[in-house]
Amino acid sequence: MFDESGKTTVAGQVVDSSTGQAVANAQVRLFANQRSSSSASYSPEGNWRSTDGQGKFSFSFDADADLSYILRASSSRGDTEFQSAPQVTGGRKNKDLRVPVEAVAWVRIHLLDVPPRTDAVNVKVSGFQGSITLHPPLDTVIYRMIKAGPNQVVVWELNGSRVVPATEHRIPYSVAGLDTMRVDIRY
């Protein structure tokens, strides 16, 4: 089905990408890209529009057949990632659109060098954007911002020890949006 130009209706709800629950008092905005362009860059079209207390919205605009459209949201819980933004079909009624926002959360990693003390040269911690290597491994606390949701994991490994082999350890956890999960690593 090809997009058309002309009056286009957009209606739906902003939801949390992890839970599917409505996100109240968010804002939605249309973004457009030239169909003939090799660029994947979308530019904002029009103004931000407020949602109601249940995250619902409805508006109309005049679509251009030479443009493709997506809808993004912004809220206190997070924003819509471009790759998860729903497509809007020009010249049609776009009903029941669900616009997901990615809620952020934090992981608090507490490294504890407990007796017997390690002889490792370093400890490497990952499972979030970037990784951290501490030389030498010391008791410390690390905070990292992450995307909220289930099936998260902190990965850690001691390196350079004469008595403990370099074995990768995984600690699974889940964290709700705008929450902090504490993960203790005892080595």
Protein backbone atom coordinates (compact mmCIF):
# COMPACT_ATOMS: atom_id res chain seq x y z
CA MET A 1 0.00 0.00 0.00
CA PHE A 2 1.46 3.36 -1.02
CA ASP A 3 1.20 6.46 1.10
CA GLU A 4 -0.87 9.24 -0.30
CA SER A 5 -0.97 12.94 0.22
CA GLY A 6 -3.84 14.69 1.94
CA LYS A 7 -5.61 14.59 5.27
CA THR A 8 -4.08 12.05 7.64
CA THR A 9 -5.46 11.12 11.05
CA VAL A 10 -3.21 9.87 13.84
CA ALA A 11 -4.60 8.42 17.09
CA GLY A 12 -3.15 6.16 19.75
CA GLN A 13 -1.45 5.91 23.11
CA VAL A 14 2.04 6.37 24.56
CA VAL A 15 3.15 3.25 26.48
CA ASP A 16 6.14 2.04 28.50
CA SER A 17 8.16 -0.26 26.22
CA SER A 18 8.89 -2.73 29.04
CA THR A 19 5.49 -3.02 30.71
CA GLY A 20 3.05 -1.90 28.00
CA GLN A 21 1.38 0.38 30.56
CA ALA A 22 0.09 3.81 29.56
CA VAL A 23 2.41 6.77 30.11
CA ALA A 24 0.41 9.81 31.19
CA ASN A 25 1.07 13.39 30.19
CA ALA A 26 3.62 12.66 27.47
CA GLN A 27 4.17 14.56 24.24
CA VAL A 28 4.11 13.16 20.70
CA ARG A 29 5.63 14.56 17.52
CA LEU A 30 5.62 13.62 13.87
CA PHE A 31 8.94 13.11 12.06
CA ALA A 32 9.38 12.93 8.27
CA ASN A 33 11.95 11.71 5.76
CA GLN A 34 12.16 12.17 1.97
CA ARG A 35 11.22 8.86 0.29
CA SER A 36 13.77 9.37 -2.48
CA SER A 37 16.54 10.19 0.00
CA SER A 38 19.26 7.69 0.84
CA SER A 39 19.42 9.22 4.33
CA ALA A 40 17.73 7.50 7.25
CA SER A 41 17.52 10.83 9.06
CA TYR A 42 14.07 12.01 10.12
CA SER A 43 13.30 15.69 10.71
CA PRO A 44 10.62 17.01 13.05
CA GLU A 45 7.31 18.02 11.44
CA GLY A 46 5.05 20.40 13.32
CA ASN A 47 5.00 20.89 17.06
CA TRP A 48 4.95 18.57 20.05
CA ARG A 49 1.38 17.61 21.02
CA SER A 50 0.35 16.78 24.58
CA THR A 51 -1.34 13.51 25.52
CA ASP A 52 -4.00 13.11 28.17
CA GLY A 53 -3.77 11.44 31.60
CA GLN A 54 -3.89 7.99 29.96
CA GLY A 55 -1.25 8.83 27.34
CA LYS A 56 -3.87 9.05 24.56
CA PHE A 57 -3.61 11.45 21.64
CA SER A 58 -5.37 12.28 18.38
CA PHE A 59 -4.58 14.81 15.65
CA SER A 60 -4.69 15.35 11.89
CA PHE A 61 -2.24 16.77 9.39
CA ASP A 62 -1.84 17.12 5.61
CA ALA A 63 0.57 14.42 4.41
CA ASP A 64 2.92 14.75 1.46
CA ALA A 65 3.18 11.59 -0.70
CA ASP A 66 6.94 12.22 -1.12
CA LEU A 67 7.53 11.86 2.63
CA SER A 68 7.49 8.89 4.98
CA TYR A 69 6.40 9.54 8.56
CA ILE A 70 7.05 8.13 12.03
CA LEU A 71 5.71 9.15 15.43
CA ARG A 72 7.88 9.62 18.51
CA ALA A 73 7.04 10.42 22.13
CA SER A 74 8.85 12.13 24.97
CA SER A 75 7.94 11.81 28.65
CA SER A 76 9.37 11.90 32.15
CA ARG A 77 9.81 8.10 31.81
CA GLY A 78 11.90 8.29 28.64
CA ASP A 79 11.72 8.79 24.87
CA THR A 80 10.88 6.75 21.79
CA GLU A 81 13.87 5.25 20.02
CA PHE A 82 13.82 5.93 16.26
CA GLN A 83 13.90 2.19 15.43
CA SER A 84 10.81 1.46 17.55
CA ALA A 85 8.77 4.49 16.40
CA PRO A 86 5.55 3.45 14.61
CA GLN A 87 5.08 4.30 10.92
CA VAL A 88 2.30 6.68 9.95
CA THR A 89 0.58 6.07 6.60
CA GLY A 90 -0.12 9.30 4.72
CA GLY A 91 -3.65 10.00 3.49
CA ARG A 92 -5.17 7.41 5.85
CA LYS A 93 -6.66 7.01 9.32
CA ASN A 94 -3.90 5.68 11.57
CA LYS A 95 -5.78 4.35 14.61
CA ASP A 96 -4.64 2.54 17.74
CA LEU A 97 -0.96 3.42 17.32
CA ARG A 98 1.18 2.43 20.30
CA VAL A 99 4.15 4.74 20.75
CA PRO A 100 6.67 3.11 23.11
CA VAL A 101 9.00 5.09 25.37
CA GLU A 102 12.18 3.50 26.67
CA ALA A 103 12.33 4.05 30.41
CA VAL A 104 15.76 4.47 31.93
CA ALA A 105 16.96 2.86 35.13
CA TRP A 106 20.23 2.50 37.00
CA VAL A 107 22.34 -0.40 38.15
CA ARG A 108 24.41 0.02 41.32
CA ILE A 109 27.29 -2.45 41.30
CA HIS A 110 29.01 -2.97 44.66
CA LEU A 111 32.42 -4.66 44.33
CA LEU A 112 33.53 -6.35 47.57
CA ASP A 113 37.00 -7.89 47.94
CA VAL A 114 36.15 -10.29 50.78
CA PRO A 115 38.61 -12.54 52.64
CA PRO A 116 40.60 -14.36 51.54
CA ARG A 117 41.83 -11.29 49.61
CA THR A 118 42.34 -11.72 45.88
CA ASP A 119 45.72 -11.63 44.19
CA ALA A 120 44.11 -10.69 40.84
CA VAL A 121 45.62 -7.89 38.78
CA ASN A 122 42.22 -6.48 37.79
CA VAL A 123 38.49 -7.05 37.73
CA LYS A 124 36.48 -6.33 34.59
CA VAL A 125 32.75 -5.48 34.87
CA SER A 126 30.36 -5.15 31.90
CA GLY A 127 26.75 -5.71 30.84
CA PHE A 128 25.96 -2.05 30.23
CA GLN A 129 27.22 0.53 27.75
CA GLY A 130 30.99 0.31 27.96
CA SER A 131 32.90 -1.78 30.47
CA ILE A 132 35.00 -0.98 33.51
CA THR A 133 38.33 -2.49 34.50
CA LEU A 134 39.73 -1.73 37.95
CA HIS A 135 43.52 -2.03 38.53
CA PRO A 136 43.92 -3.35 41.24
CA PRO A 137 40.47 -4.63 42.22
CA LEU A 138 39.24 -2.64 45.21
CA ASP A 139 36.00 -2.29 47.15
CA THR A 140 34.01 0.28 45.21
CA VAL A 141 30.53 1.23 43.99
CA ILE A 142 29.72 1.84 40.32
CA TYR A 143 26.51 3.42 39.01
CA ARG A 144 25.47 3.06 35.37
CA MET A 145 22.35 4.25 33.54
CA ILE A 146 20.66 1.43 31.59
CA LYS A 147 17.39 0.74 29.81
CA ALA A 148 14.77 -0.60 32.19
CA GLY A 149 13.39 -4.08 31.72
CA PRO A 150 13.73 -7.77 32.40
CA ASN A 151 16.58 -10.08 31.42
CA GLN A 152 19.44 -7.71 32.27
CA VAL A 153 22.85 -9.07 33.23
CA VAL A 154 26.05 -7.86 34.89
CA VAL A 155 29.14 -9.75 33.72
CA TRP A 156 32.37 -9.79 35.73
CA GLU A 157 35.73 -11.53 35.64
CA LEU A 158 38.91 -11.52 37.74
CA ASN A 159 42.08 -11.45 35.64
CA GLY A 160 45.73 -12.11 36.49
CA SER A 161 45.21 -14.21 39.61
CA ARG A 162 47.65 -17.04 40.36
CA VAL A 163 45.02 -18.97 42.36
CA VAL A 164 41.67 -18.08 40.79
CA PRO A 165 41.11 -18.90 37.09
CA ALA A 166 39.76 -16.12 34.85
CA THR A 167 36.15 -17.27 34.76
CA GLU A 168 33.30 -15.12 33.49
CA HIS A 169 30.46 -14.75 36.00
CA ARG A 170 26.94 -13.56 35.12
CA ILE A 171 24.46 -12.02 37.53
CA PRO A 172 20.94 -11.72 36.03
CA TYR A 173 18.49 -9.08 37.22
CA SER A 174 15.41 -7.09 36.21
CA VAL A 175 14.79 -3.43 36.93
CA ALA A 176 11.72 -1.23 36.58
CA GLY A 177 11.81 2.16 34.90
CA LEU A 178 13.28 4.98 36.97
CA ASP A 179 14.41 2.45 39.60
CA THR A 180 17.86 1.36 40.78
CA MET A 181 18.94 -2.28 41.04
CA ARG A 182 21.76 -3.17 43.45
CA VAL A 183 24.11 -5.93 42.35
CA ASP A 184 26.79 -7.18 44.77
CA ILE A 185 29.94 -8.79 43.39
CA ARG A 186 31.96 -10.65 46.05
CA TYR A 187 35.35 -11.91 45.00
